[in-house]
């Protein structure tokens, strides 16, 4: 569930002629008036690069009141709902937000103080989760660490937007720590070589136009996990802070604060050296809670979210939705045309 900012409201009206209420929320193809509402006020799908409204339950909008009429779980609902402001929703969730922050700070501080020697690496992605994790670390934890060796870094997939790179720099990553991809591959003689290479060049020269799909891909292991292993010394101990959450996807559902321990416990492969710890300070936060905390604290975030994107990873991705593709075409036409 993400807040729908004015830029997305304008975009949606341009493609559909439907004006959404202010301060509403979206989860996939469903819009909700408030973040805790059970039923959507409008549903849509994207086919052939067109947004098709599949259900519009809005009868009328007057100020902060919205009349809805729908059938939900076998019941007919005909009522007027108050459209809360985001400030009101933040206030309602203030206790749970305080609890989540305390838990994140306590777990992280204890782990770092119990492991005083490894270098601390803070991984910045330019996404909302990374921004919240970094904000909490800098505000509450970094001041308690004295002269600990701390590195802020990001990985350049070459498939990100300028908005994402600007966000990385704003969050304190030095330009020299935005790592350029070095790809390891077999040459025509069957020998391994390494060289700097972008995502498109990799598809063209190494993969010979083999396109990553949801069923088979190696782009993440090459441009994300693979780059981490290239940069860091396998014989050195590290603690890396990452902005990942267990509620993001089925793939991460087994995650706990200590990613290495929870991965091994779940019987899955930990794809990093065993002397590298990875911790997730906001592991237990839900998406709406991340957003409410951003709104509460006034945390600066990637402007891609205002445009309607639910995530700010690689721009072109087999896991991207048809709605995301429309947003790319609208806001990043050069990248879309290149693809």
C-alpha atoms as a PDB file:
ATOM      1  CA  UNK A   1       0.000   0.000   0.000  1.00  0.00           C
ATOM      2  CA  UNK A   2       1.547   3.317  -1.092  1.00  0.00           C
ATOM      3  CA  UNK A   3       0.301   6.901  -0.878  1.00  0.00           C
ATOM      4  CA  UNK A   4      -0.985   8.311  -4.158  1.00  0.00           C
ATOM      5  CA  UNK A   5       0.674  11.673  -4.679  1.00  0.00           C
ATOM      6  CA  UNK A   6      -0.647  14.431  -6.923  1.00  0.00           C
ATOM      7  CA  UNK A   7       1.632  13.472  -9.834  1.00  0.00           C
ATOM      8  CA  UNK A   8       0.072  10.001  -9.980  1.00  0.00           C
ATOM      9  CA  UNK A   9      -3.445  11.432  -9.644  1.00  0.00           C
ATOM     10  CA  UNK A  10      -2.782  13.647 -12.679  1.00  0.00           C
ATOM     11  CA  UNK A  11      -1.237  10.729 -14.611  1.00  0.00           C
ATOM     12  CA  UNK A  12      -4.187   8.442 -13.856  1.00  0.00           C
ATOM     13  CA  UNK A  13      -6.722  11.088 -14.891  1.00  0.00           C
ATOM     14  CA  UNK A  14      -4.829  11.670 -18.137  1.00  0.00           C
ATOM     15  CA  UNK A  15      -5.097   7.976 -19.065  1.00  0.00           C
ATOM     16  CA  UNK A  16      -8.622   7.292 -17.772  1.00  0.00           C
ATOM     17  CA  UNK A  17     -10.504  10.560 -17.326  1.00  0.00           C
ATOM     18  CA  UNK A  18     -11.129   9.562 -13.677  1.00  0.00           C
ATOM     19  CA  UNK A  19     -10.109  11.974 -10.920  1.00  0.00           C
ATOM     20  CA  UNK A  20      -9.011  10.176  -7.763  1.00  0.00           C
ATOM     21  CA  UNK A  21      -9.571  11.584  -4.262  1.00  0.00           C
ATOM     22  CA  UNK A  22      -6.645  13.340  -2.596  1.00  0.00           C
ATOM     23  CA  UNK A  23      -4.692  11.449   0.099  1.00  0.00           C
ATOM     24  CA  UNK A  24      -5.720   8.034  -1.216  1.00  0.00           C
ATOM     25  CA  UNK A  25      -3.611   4.857  -1.374  1.00  0.00           C
ATOM     26  CA  UNK A  26      -2.833   2.217  -3.999  1.00  0.00           C
ATOM     27  CA  UNK A  27      -1.995  -1.466  -3.703  1.00  0.00           C
ATOM     28  CA  UNK A  28      -1.356  -3.010  -7.116  1.00  0.00           C
ATOM     29  CA  UNK A  29      -4.442  -2.410  -9.246  1.00  0.00           C
ATOM     30  CA  UNK A  30      -6.629  -1.206  -6.382  1.00  0.00           C
ATOM     31  CA  UNK A  31      -7.078   2.253  -4.883  1.00  0.00           C
ATOM     32  CA  UNK A  32      -8.144   2.710  -1.250  1.00  0.00           C
ATOM     33  CA  UNK A  33      -9.366   5.849   0.449  1.00  0.00           C
ATOM     34  CA  UNK A  34      -7.452   5.250   3.714  1.00  0.00           C
ATOM     35  CA  UNK A  35      -4.573   2.903   4.461  1.00  0.00           C
ATOM     36  CA  UNK A  36      -6.570   0.617   6.781  1.00  0.00           C
ATOM     37  CA  UNK A  37      -9.663   0.285   4.588  1.00  0.00           C
ATOM     38  CA  UNK A  38     -10.651  -3.266   3.674  1.00  0.00           C
ATOM     39  CA  UNK A  39     -12.349  -2.587   0.360  1.00  0.00           C
ATOM     40  CA  UNK A  40     -11.086  -0.630  -2.651  1.00  0.00           C
ATOM     41  CA  UNK A  41     -12.865   2.414  -4.005  1.00  0.00           C
ATOM     42  CA  UNK A  42     -11.621   1.710  -7.543  1.00  0.00           C
ATOM     43  CA  UNK A  43      -9.958  -1.193  -9.361  1.00  0.00           C
ATOM     44  CA  UNK A  44      -8.152  -1.253 -12.703  1.00  0.00           C
ATOM     45  CA  UNK A  45      -5.968  -3.340 -14.993  1.00  0.00           C
ATOM     46  CA  UNK A  46      -3.596  -2.537 -17.836  1.00  0.00           C
ATOM     47  CA  UNK A  47      -3.980  -4.185 -21.238  1.00  0.00           C
ATOM     48  CA  UNK A  48      -2.245  -3.212 -24.475  1.00  0.00           C
ATOM     49  CA  UNK A  49      -0.785  -0.128 -22.778  1.00  0.00           C
ATOM     50  CA  UNK A  50      -4.223   1.136 -21.741  1.00  0.00           C
ATOM     51  CA  UNK A  51      -5.651   1.520 -18.233  1.00  0.00           C
ATOM     52  CA  UNK A  52      -9.033  -0.186 -18.005  1.00  0.00           C
ATOM     53  CA  UNK A  53     -11.286   0.578 -15.037  1.00  0.00           C
ATOM     54  CA  UNK A  54     -12.731  -2.741 -13.870  1.00  0.00           C
ATOM     55  CA  UNK A  55     -14.726  -1.364 -10.930  1.00  0.00           C
ATOM     56  CA  UNK A  56     -15.437   2.201  -9.841  1.00  0.00           C
ATOM     57  CA  UNK A  57     -17.252   2.217  -6.503  1.00  0.00           C
ATOM     58  CA  UNK A  58     -17.191   6.007  -6.061  1.00  0.00           C
ATOM     59  CA  UNK A  59     -20.669   7.555  -6.125  1.00  0.00           C
ATOM     60  CA  UNK A  60     -19.581  11.115  -5.339  1.00  0.00           C
ATOM     61  CA  UNK A  61     -16.880  13.166  -3.625  1.00  0.00           C
ATOM     62  CA  UNK A  62     -17.661  16.216  -1.481  1.00  0.00           C
ATOM     63  CA  UNK A  63     -14.764  17.751   0.447  1.00  0.00           C
ATOM     64  CA  UNK A  64     -13.406  15.092   2.822  1.00  0.00           C
ATOM     65  CA  UNK A  65     -16.367  12.756   2.286  1.00  0.00           C
ATOM     66  CA  UNK A  66     -16.646  10.031  -0.343  1.00  0.00           C
ATOM     67  CA  UNK A  67     -19.836   8.060  -1.036  1.00  0.00           C
ATOM     68  CA  UNK A  68     -19.185   4.454  -2.072  1.00  0.00           C
ATOM     69  CA  UNK A  69     -21.550   1.774  -3.246  1.00  0.00           C
ATOM     70  CA  UNK A  70     -20.243  -1.734  -3.768  1.00  0.00           C
ATOM     71  CA  UNK A  71     -20.559  -5.402  -3.064  1.00  0.00           C
ATOM     72  CA  UNK A  72     -17.733  -6.762  -0.913  1.00  0.00           C
ATOM     73  CA  UNK A  73     -17.415 -10.322   0.400  1.00  0.00           C
ATOM     74  CA  UNK A  74     -21.069 -10.968  -0.353  1.00  0.00           C
ATOM     75  CA  UNK A  75     -22.282  -7.841   1.450  1.00  0.00           C
ATOM     76  CA  UNK A  76     -23.714  -4.689  -0.087  1.00  0.00           C
ATOM     77  CA  UNK A  77     -21.985  -1.566   1.183  1.00  0.00           C
ATOM     78  CA  UNK A  78     -23.605   1.816   0.650  1.00  0.00           C
ATOM     79  CA  UNK A  79     -21.996   4.432   2.881  1.00  0.00           C
ATOM     80  CA  UNK A  80     -20.176   7.722   3.174  1.00  0.00           C
ATOM     81  CA  UNK A  81     -16.523   7.389   4.199  1.00  0.00           C
ATOM     82  CA  UNK A  82     -14.364  10.123   5.682  1.00  0.00           C
ATOM     83  CA  UNK A  83     -11.273  10.771   3.605  1.00  0.00           C
ATOM     84  CA  UNK A  84      -8.596  11.203   6.267  1.00  0.00           C
ATOM     85  CA  UNK A  85      -5.564  13.343   5.639  1.00  0.00           C
ATOM     86  CA  UNK A  86      -2.175  11.639   5.801  1.00  0.00           C
ATOM     87  CA  UNK A  87      -1.451  13.694   8.922  1.00  0.00           C
ATOM     88  CA  UNK A  88      -4.518  12.163  10.589  1.00  0.00           C
ATOM     89  CA  UNK A  89      -3.470   8.663   9.571  1.00  0.00           C
ATOM     90  CA  UNK A  90       0.047   9.241  10.897  1.00  0.00           C
ATOM     91  CA  UNK A  91      -1.414  10.354  14.234  1.00  0.00           C
ATOM     92  CA  UNK A  92      -3.576   7.211  14.430  1.00  0.00           C
ATOM     93  CA  UNK A  93      -0.520   5.006  13.825  1.00  0.00           C
ATOM     94  CA  UNK A  94       1.900   6.944  16.046  1.00  0.00           C
ATOM     95  CA  UNK A  95       2.087   4.284  18.785  1.00  0.00           C
ATOM     96  CA  UNK A  96       2.904   1.413  16.442  1.00  0.00           C
ATOM     97  CA  UNK A  97       5.432   3.597  14.610  1.00  0.00           C
ATOM     98  CA  UNK A  98       7.192   4.414  17.906  1.00  0.00           C
ATOM     99  CA  UNK A  99       7.240   0.707  18.763  1.00  0.00           C
ATOM    100  CA  UNK A 100       8.722  -0.217  15.374  1.00  0.00           C
ATOM    101  CA  UNK A 101      11.435   2.438  15.628  1.00  0.00           C
ATOM    102  CA  UNK A 102      12.362   1.339  19.166  1.00  0.00           C
ATOM    103  CA  UNK A 103      12.580  -2.294  18.047  1.00  0.00           C
ATOM    104  CA  UNK A 104      14.698  -1.423  15.001  1.00  0.00           C
ATOM    105  CA  UNK A 105      17.070   0.744  17.040  1.00  0.00           C
ATOM    106  CA  UNK A 106      17.400  -1.734  19.906  1.00  0.00           C
ATOM    107  CA  UNK A 107      18.100  -4.774  17.717  1.00  0.00           C
ATOM    108  CA  UNK A 108      20.604  -2.911  15.559  1.00  0.00           C
ATOM    109  CA  UNK A 109      22.431  -1.236  18.442  1.00  0.00           C
ATOM    110  CA  UNK A 110      22.755  -4.479  20.418  1.00  0.00           C
ATOM    111  CA  UNK A 111      24.042  -6.409  17.388  1.00  0.00           C
ATOM    112  CA  UNK A 112      26.632  -3.753  16.468  1.00  0.00           C
ATOM    113  CA  UNK A 113      27.855  -3.326  20.047  1.00  0.00           C
ATOM    114  CA  UNK A 114      28.074  -7.111  20.497  1.00  0.00           C
ATOM    115  CA  UNK A 115      30.186  -7.313  17.322  1.00  0.00           C
ATOM    116  CA  UNK A 116      32.609  -4.386  17.739  1.00  0.00           C
ATOM    117  CA  UNK A 117      35.313  -5.302  15.216  1.00  0.00           C
ATOM    118  CA  UNK A 118      33.760  -5.912  11.751  1.00  0.00           C
ATOM    119  CA  UNK A 119      33.512  -3.006   9.343  1.00  0.00           C
ATOM    120  CA  UNK A 120      29.959  -1.618   9.077  1.00  0.00           C
ATOM    121  CA  UNK A 121      28.657  -1.142   5.542  1.00  0.00           C
ATOM    122  CA  UNK A 122      25.393   0.724   4.982  1.00  0.00           C
ATOM    123  CA  UNK A 123      23.888  -0.259   1.646  1.00  0.00           C
ATOM    124  CA  UNK A 124      21.863   2.515   0.012  1.00  0.00           C
ATOM    125  CA  UNK A 125      19.602   1.632  -2.922  1.00  0.00           C
ATOM    126  CA  UNK A 126      17.692   4.860  -3.489  1.00  0.00           C
ATOM    127  CA  UNK A 127      14.400   3.191  -2.543  1.00  0.00           C
ATOM    128  CA  UNK A 128      12.006   4.092   0.295  1.00  0.00           C
ATOM    129  CA  UNK A 129      12.992   1.181   2.575  1.00  0.00           C
ATOM    130  CA  UNK A 130      16.656   2.030   2.239  1.00  0.00           C
ATOM    131  CA  UNK A 131      15.874   5.694   2.995  1.00  0.00           C
ATOM    132  CA  UNK A 132      14.034   4.818   6.226  1.00  0.00           C
ATOM    133  CA  UNK A 133      16.722   2.345   7.324  1.00  0.00           C
ATOM    134  CA  UNK A 134      19.449   4.937   6.664  1.00  0.00           C
ATOM    135  CA  UNK A 135      17.499   7.687   8.443  1.00  0.00           C
ATOM    136  CA  UNK A 136      17.063   5.577  11.597  1.00  0.00           C
ATOM    137  CA  UNK A 137      20.706   4.451  11.549  1.00  0.00           C
ATOM    138  CA  UNK A 138      22.090   7.972  11.174  1.00  0.00           C
ATOM    139  CA  UNK A 139      19.736   9.558  13.728  1.00  0.00           C
ATOM    140  CA  UNK A 140      19.752   6.995  16.519  1.00  0.00           C
ATOM    141  CA  UNK A 141      22.625   4.527  16.089  1.00  0.00           C
ATOM    142  CA  UNK A 142      25.619   6.069  14.317  1.00  0.00           C
ATOM    143  CA  UNK A 143      26.146   8.694  17.094  1.00  0.00           C
ATOM    144  CA  UNK A 144      26.649   5.852  19.610  1.00  0.00           C
ATOM    145  CA  UNK A 145      29.321   4.004  17.620  1.00  0.00           C
ATOM    146  CA  UNK A 146      32.317   6.216  18.290  1.00  0.00           C
ATOM    147  CA  UNK A 147      35.120   5.685  15.781  1.00  0.00           C
ATOM    148  CA  UNK A 148      33.731   2.534  14.164  1.00  0.00           C
ATOM    149  CA  UNK A 149      34.684   2.000  10.532  1.00  0.00           C
ATOM    150  CA  UNK A 150      31.482   2.831   8.597  1.00  0.00           C
ATOM    151  CA  UNK A 151      31.154   2.805   4.805  1.00  0.00           C
ATOM    152  CA  UNK A 152      28.123   4.132   2.908  1.00  0.00           C
ATOM    153  CA  UNK A 153      27.856   2.557  -0.497  1.00  0.00           C
ATOM    154  CA  UNK A 154      25.558   1.885  -3.455  1.00  0.00           C
ATOM    155  CA  UNK A 155      25.743  -0.341  -6.507  1.00  0.00           C
ATOM    156  CA  UNK A 156      25.242   1.020  -9.989  1.00  0.00           C
ATOM    157  CA  UNK A 157      23.243  -1.505 -12.000  1.00  0.00           C
ATOM    158  CA  UNK A 158      23.312   0.936 -14.982  1.00  0.00           C
ATOM    159  CA  UNK A 159      19.577   0.188 -15.227  1.00  0.00           C
ATOM    160  CA  UNK A 160      18.463   2.848 -12.744  1.00  0.00           C
ATOM    161  CA  UNK A 161      17.105   6.358 -13.242  1.00  0.00           C
ATOM    162  CA  UNK A 162      18.827   9.688 -12.630  1.00  0.00           C
ATOM    163  CA  UNK A 163      16.279  10.184  -9.831  1.00  0.00           C
ATOM    164  CA  UNK A 164      17.634   7.100  -8.074  1.00  0.00           C
ATOM    165  CA  UNK A 165      21.277   8.142  -8.394  1.00  0.00           C
ATOM    166  CA  UNK A 166      20.493  11.629  -7.083  1.00  0.00           C
ATOM    167  CA  UNK A 167      18.744  10.036  -4.099  1.00  0.00           C
ATOM    168  CA  UNK A 168      21.806   7.897  -3.339  1.00  0.00           C
ATOM    169  CA  UNK A 169      24.025  10.982  -3.268  1.00  0.00           C
ATOM    170  CA  UNK A 170      21.545  12.911  -1.103  1.00  0.00           C
ATOM    171  CA  UNK A 171      21.652  10.099   1.440  1.00  0.00           C
ATOM    172  CA  UNK A 172      25.378  10.461   1.873  1.00  0.00           C
ATOM    173  CA  UNK A 173      26.952   7.972  -0.540  1.00  0.00           C
ATOM    174  CA  UNK A 174      30.203   9.427  -1.947  1.00  0.00           C
ATOM    175  CA  UNK A 175      30.424   9.185  -5.730  1.00  0.00           C
ATOM    176  CA  UNK A 176      33.465   6.925  -5.428  1.00  0.00           C
ATOM    177  CA  UNK A 177      31.324   4.475  -3.425  1.00  0.00           C
ATOM    178  CA  UNK A 178      28.693   4.101  -6.147  1.00  0.00           C
ATOM    179  CA  UNK A 179      30.344   1.018  -7.583  1.00  0.00           C
ATOM    180  CA  UNK A 180      30.616   0.538 -11.331  1.00  0.00           C
ATOM    181  CA  UNK A 181      29.645  -2.972 -12.494  1.00  0.00           C
ATOM    182  CA  UNK A 182      32.512  -5.321 -13.296  1.00  0.00           C
ATOM    183  CA  UNK A 183      31.226  -8.410 -15.100  1.00  0.00           C
ATOM    184  CA  UNK A 184      33.021 -11.772 -15.104  1.00  0.00           C
ATOM    185  CA  UNK A 185      32.371 -13.850 -18.226  1.00  0.00           C
ATOM    186  CA  UNK A 186      33.889 -16.421 -20.537  1.00  0.00           C
ATOM    187  CA  UNK A 187      35.471 -15.091 -23.721  1.00  0.00           C
ATOM    188  CA  UNK A 188      35.433 -16.841 -27.108  1.00  0.00           C
ATOM    189  CA  UNK A 189      38.441 -18.912 -26.068  1.00  0.00           C
ATOM    190  CA  UNK A 190      36.588 -20.208 -23.008  1.00  0.00           C
ATOM    191  CA  UNK A 191      38.736 -18.237 -20.562  1.00  0.00           C
ATOM    192  CA  UNK A 192      37.315 -15.987 -17.839  1.00  0.00           C
ATOM    193  CA  UNK A 193      37.676 -12.233 -18.206  1.00  0.00           C
ATOM    194  CA  UNK A 194      36.477  -9.257 -16.164  1.00  0.00           C
ATOM    195  CA  UNK A 195      35.617  -5.784 -17.392  1.00  0.00           C
ATOM    196  CA  UNK A 196      33.384  -2.806 -16.658  1.00  0.00           C
ATOM    197  CA  UNK A 197      30.070  -3.319 -18.405  1.00  0.00           C
ATOM    198  CA  UNK A 198      26.550  -1.926 -18.328  1.00  0.00           C
ATOM    199  CA  UNK A 199      23.297  -3.899 -18.317  1.00  0.00           C
ATOM    200  CA  UNK A 200      22.462  -3.278 -21.971  1.00  0.00           C
ATOM    201  CA  UNK A 201      26.005  -4.145 -23.063  1.00  0.00           C
ATOM    202  CA  UNK A 202      25.799  -7.349 -21.021  1.00  0.00           C
ATOM    203  CA  UNK A 203      22.571  -8.373 -22.796  1.00  0.00           C
ATOM    204  CA  UNK A 204      24.043  -7.558 -26.211  1.00  0.00           C
ATOM    205  CA  UNK A 205      27.658  -8.765 -25.988  1.00  0.00           C
ATOM    206  CA  UNK A 206      27.565 -11.497 -23.325  1.00  0.00           C
ATOM    207  CA  UNK A 207      24.007 -12.820 -23.451  1.00  0.00           C
ATOM    208  CA  UNK A 208      23.629 -12.279 -27.219  1.00  0.00           C
ATOM    209  CA  UNK A 209      20.184 -10.739 -26.734  1.00  0.00           C
ATOM    210  CA  UNK A 210      18.963 -13.392 -24.322  1.00  0.00           C
ATOM    211  CA  UNK A 211      16.376 -11.437 -22.346  1.00  0.00           C
ATOM    212  CA  UNK A 212      15.913 -12.034 -18.594  1.00  0.00           C
ATOM    213  CA  UNK A 213      12.449 -13.347 -17.657  1.00  0.00           C
ATOM    214  CA  UNK A 214      10.609 -14.152 -14.439  1.00  0.00           C
ATOM    215  CA  UNK A 215      11.362 -17.838 -15.061  1.00  0.00           C
ATOM    216  CA  UNK A 216      15.069 -17.491 -15.793  1.00  0.00           C
ATOM    217  CA  UNK A 217      17.352 -14.561 -15.118  1.00  0.00           C
ATOM    218  CA  UNK A 218      20.876 -13.836 -13.951  1.00  0.00           C
ATOM    219  CA  UNK A 219      20.863 -10.043 -13.973  1.00  0.00           C
ATOM    220  CA  UNK A 220      20.416  -9.690 -10.179  1.00  0.00           C
ATOM    221  CA  UNK A 221      23.167 -12.189  -9.400  1.00  0.00           C
ATOM    222  CA  UNK A 222      25.452 -10.382 -11.872  1.00  0.00           C
ATOM    223  CA  UNK A 223      24.723  -6.733 -11.124  1.00  0.00           C
ATOM    224  CA  UNK A 224      23.713  -6.904  -7.441  1.00  0.00           C
ATOM    225  CA  UNK A 225      24.928  -9.864  -5.369  1.00  0.00           C
ATOM    226  CA  UNK A 226      27.812 -10.419  -7.773  1.00  0.00           C
ATOM    227  CA  UNK A 227      29.063  -6.855  -7.354  1.00  0.00           C
ATOM    228  CA  UNK A 228      28.984  -7.095  -3.548  1.00  0.00           C
ATOM    229  CA  UNK A 229      31.221 -10.167  -3.680  1.00  0.00           C
ATOM    230  CA  UNK A 230      33.598  -8.419  -6.070  1.00  0.00           C
ATOM    231  CA  UNK A 231      34.010  -5.278  -3.950  1.00  0.00           C
ATOM    232  CA  UNK A 232      34.401  -6.832  -0.498  1.00  0.00           C
ATOM    233  CA  UNK A 233      37.322  -8.905   0.763  1.00  0.00           C
ATOM    234  CA  UNK A 234      36.103 -12.467   1.353  1.00  0.00           C
ATOM    235  CA  UNK A 235      38.643 -12.876   4.173  1.00  0.00           C
ATOM    236  CA  UNK A 236      37.439  -9.812   6.059  1.00  0.00           C
ATOM    237  CA  UNK A 237      34.475  -9.623   8.465  1.00  0.00           C
ATOM    238  CA  UNK A 238      31.618  -7.275   7.585  1.00  0.00           C
ATOM    239  CA  UNK A 239      28.253  -6.256   8.947  1.00  0.00           C
ATOM    240  CA  UNK A 240      26.049  -4.846   6.197  1.00  0.00           C
ATOM    241  CA  UNK A 241      22.841  -2.961   6.935  1.00  0.00           C
ATOM    242  CA  UNK A 242      20.199  -3.378   4.234  1.00  0.00           C
ATOM    243  CA  UNK A 243      16.723  -1.926   3.837  1.00  0.00           C
ATOM    244  CA  UNK A 244      14.854  -5.151   3.128  1.00  0.00           C
ATOM    245  CA  UNK A 245      11.625  -6.337   4.744  1.00  0.00           C
ATOM    246  CA  UNK A 246      10.015  -9.769   5.168  1.00  0.00           C
ATOM    247  CA  UNK A 247       6.670  -8.432   3.862  1.00  0.00           C
ATOM    248  CA  UNK A 248       8.121  -7.353   0.505  1.00  0.00           C
ATOM    249  CA  UNK A 249       7.740 -10.693  -1.252  1.00  0.00           C
ATOM    250  CA  UNK A 250       7.311 -14.440  -0.805  1.00  0.00           C
ATOM    251  CA  UNK A 251      11.015 -14.817  -1.503  1.00  0.00           C
ATOM    252  CA  UNK A 252      11.841 -12.748   1.596  1.00  0.00           C
ATOM    253  CA  UNK A 253       9.077 -14.052   3.871  1.00  0.00           C
ATOM    254  CA  UNK A 254      11.576 -16.146   5.867  1.00  0.00           C
ATOM    255  CA  UNK A 255      13.768 -13.129   6.646  1.00  0.00           C
ATOM    256  CA  UNK A 256      14.324 -12.042  10.222  1.00  0.00           C
ATOM    257  CA  UNK A 257      16.525  -9.227  11.542  1.00  0.00           C
ATOM    258  CA  UNK A 258      19.641 -11.399  11.129  1.00  0.00           C
ATOM    259  CA  UNK A 259      19.389 -12.430   7.486  1.00  0.00           C
ATOM    260  CA  UNK A 260      22.183 -14.999   7.633  1.00  0.00           C
ATOM    261  CA  UNK A 261      20.739 -16.835  10.625  1.00  0.00           C
ATOM    262  CA  UNK A 262      17.150 -16.801   9.339  1.00  0.00           C
ATOM    263  CA  UNK A 263      18.202 -17.951   5.859  1.00  0.00           C
ATOM    264  CA  UNK A 264      20.135 -20.922   7.245  1.00  0.00           C
ATOM    265  CA  UNK A 265      17.325 -21.716   9.682  1.00  0.00           C
ATOM    266  CA  UNK A 266      14.850 -21.809   6.787  1.00  0.00           C
ATOM    267  CA  UNK A 267      17.060 -24.327   4.984  1.00  0.00           C
ATOM    268  CA  UNK A 268      17.919 -21.897   2.197  1.00  0.00           C
ATOM    269  CA  UNK A 269      21.250 -20.950   0.693  1.00  0.00           C
ATOM    270  CA  UNK A 270      23.011 -17.936   2.157  1.00  0.00           C
ATOM    271  CA  UNK A 271      24.674 -16.571  -0.967  1.00  0.00           C
ATOM    272  CA  UNK A 272      27.363 -14.595   0.849  1.00  0.00           C
ATOM    273  CA  UNK A 273      30.539 -15.732   2.672  1.00  0.00           C
ATOM    274  CA  UNK A 274      29.723 -16.977   6.172  1.00  0.00           C
ATOM    275  CA  UNK A 275      31.922 -14.289   7.797  1.00  0.00           C
ATOM    276  CA  UNK A 276      29.692 -11.581   6.330  1.00  0.00           C
ATOM    277  CA  UNK A 277      26.668 -10.669   8.428  1.00  0.00           C
ATOM    278  CA  UNK A 278      23.686  -8.902   6.878  1.00  0.00           C
ATOM    279  CA  UNK A 279      21.108  -7.293   9.132  1.00  0.00           C
ATOM    280  CA  UNK A 280      17.747  -5.747   8.268  1.00  0.00           C
ATOM    281  CA  UNK A 281      16.774  -3.072  10.831  1.00  0.00           C
ATOM    282  CA  UNK A 282      13.267  -2.530   9.379  1.00  0.00           C
ATOM    283  CA  UNK A 283      12.635  -6.184   8.564  1.00  0.00           C
ATOM    284  CA  UNK A 284       9.270  -6.285  10.386  1.00  0.00           C
ATOM    285  CA  UNK A 285       7.773  -3.074   8.969  1.00  0.00           C
ATOM    286  CA  UNK A 286       4.812  -3.193   6.599  1.00  0.00           C
ATOM    287  CA  UNK A 287       4.794  -1.014   3.473  1.00  0.00           C
ATOM    288  CA  UNK A 288       2.136   1.389   4.775  1.00  0.00           C
ATOM    289  CA  UNK A 289       4.110   1.811   8.007  1.00  0.00           C
ATOM    290  CA  UNK A 290       7.242   2.720   6.058  1.00  0.00           C
ATOM    291  CA  UNK A 291       5.259   5.380   4.219  1.00  0.00           C
ATOM    292  CA  UNK A 292       3.566   6.766   7.317  1.00  0.00           C
ATOM    293  CA  UNK A 293       6.971   7.098   9.004  1.00  0.00           C
ATOM    294  CA  UNK A 294       8.336   8.914   5.942  1.00  0.00           C
ATOM    295  CA  UNK A 295       5.373  11.302   6.067  1.00  0.00           C
ATOM    296  CA  UNK A 296       5.698  11.746   9.844  1.00  0.00           C
ATOM    297  CA  UNK A 297       9.418  12.522   9.793  1.00  0.00           C
ATOM    298  CA  UNK A 298       9.485  14.416   6.500  1.00  0.00           C
ATOM    299  CA  UNK A 299      12.128  12.039   5.127  1.00  0.00           C
ATOM    300  CA  UNK A 300      13.201  12.954   1.610  1.00  0.00           C
ATOM    301  CA  UNK A 301      12.531  10.098  -0.798  1.00  0.00           C
ATOM    302  CA  UNK A 302      12.993   9.139  -4.435  1.00  0.00           C
ATOM    303  CA  UNK A 303      10.632  11.251  -6.626  1.00  0.00           C
ATOM    304  CA  UNK A 304       9.815   8.146  -8.674  1.00  0.00           C
ATOM    305  CA  UNK A 305       7.283   7.256  -5.964  1.00  0.00           C
ATOM    306  CA  UNK A 306       5.450  10.534  -6.519  1.00  0.00           C
ATOM    307  CA  UNK A 307       5.170   9.658 -10.201  1.00  0.00           C
ATOM    308  CA  UNK A 308       3.387   6.420  -9.271  1.00  0.00           C
ATOM    309  CA  UNK A 309       6.135   3.800  -9.045  1.00  0.00           C
ATOM    310  CA  UNK A 310       5.738   1.270  -6.230  1.00  0.00           C
ATOM    311  CA  UNK A 311       9.423   0.353  -6.323  1.00  0.00           C
ATOM    312  CA  UNK A 312      12.617   2.056  -7.478  1.00  0.00           C
ATOM    313  CA  UNK A 313      14.942  -0.786  -8.377  1.00  0.00           C
ATOM    314  CA  UNK A 314      16.038  -1.552 -11.915  1.00  0.00           C
ATOM    315  CA  UNK A 315      13.882   0.447 -14.319  1.00  0.00           C
ATOM    316  CA  UNK A 316      13.524  -2.352 -16.865  1.00  0.00           C
ATOM    317  CA  UNK A 317      12.759  -5.564 -14.984  1.00  0.00           C
ATOM    318  CA  UNK A 318      10.865  -8.781 -15.825  1.00  0.00           C
ATOM    319  CA  UNK A 319       9.077  -8.382 -12.496  1.00  0.00           C
ATOM    320  CA  UNK A 320       7.797  -4.921 -13.431  1.00  0.00           C
ATOM    321  CA  UNK A 321       4.037  -4.537 -13.822  1.00  0.00           C
ATOM    322  CA  UNK A 322       2.235  -3.325 -16.978  1.00  0.00           C
ATOM    323  CA  UNK A 323       1.292  -0.217 -14.958  1.00  0.00           C
ATOM    324  CA  UNK A 324       4.983   0.416 -14.243  1.00  0.00           C
ATOM    325  CA  UNK A 325       5.672   0.101 -17.958  1.00  0.00           C
ATOM    326  CA  UNK A 326       3.160   2.875 -18.650  1.00  0.00           C
ATOM    327  CA  UNK A 327       4.890   5.055 -16.073  1.00  0.00           C
ATOM    328  CA  UNK A 328       8.290   4.373 -17.661  1.00  0.00           C
ATOM    329  CA  UNK A 329       6.928   5.301 -21.082  1.00  0.00           C
ATOM    330  CA  UNK A 330       5.446   8.507 -19.663  1.00  0.00           C
ATOM    331  CA  UNK A 331       8.292   9.735 -17.448  1.00  0.00           C
ATOM    332  CA  UNK A 332      11.426   8.082 -18.864  1.00  0.00           C
ATOM    333  CA  UNK A 333      10.816   7.999 -22.626  1.00  0.00           C
ATOM    334  CA  UNK A 334      14.513   7.743 -23.554  1.00  0.00           C
ATOM    335  CA  UNK A 335      15.018   4.595 -21.460  1.00  0.00           C
ATOM    336  CA  UNK A 336      11.730   3.173 -22.733  1.00  0.00           C
ATOM    337  CA  UNK A 337      12.687   3.801 -26.361  1.00  0.00           C
ATOM    338  CA  UNK A 338      16.105   2.268 -25.827  1.00  0.00           C
ATOM    339  CA  UNK A 339      14.523  -0.861 -24.366  1.00  0.00           C
END
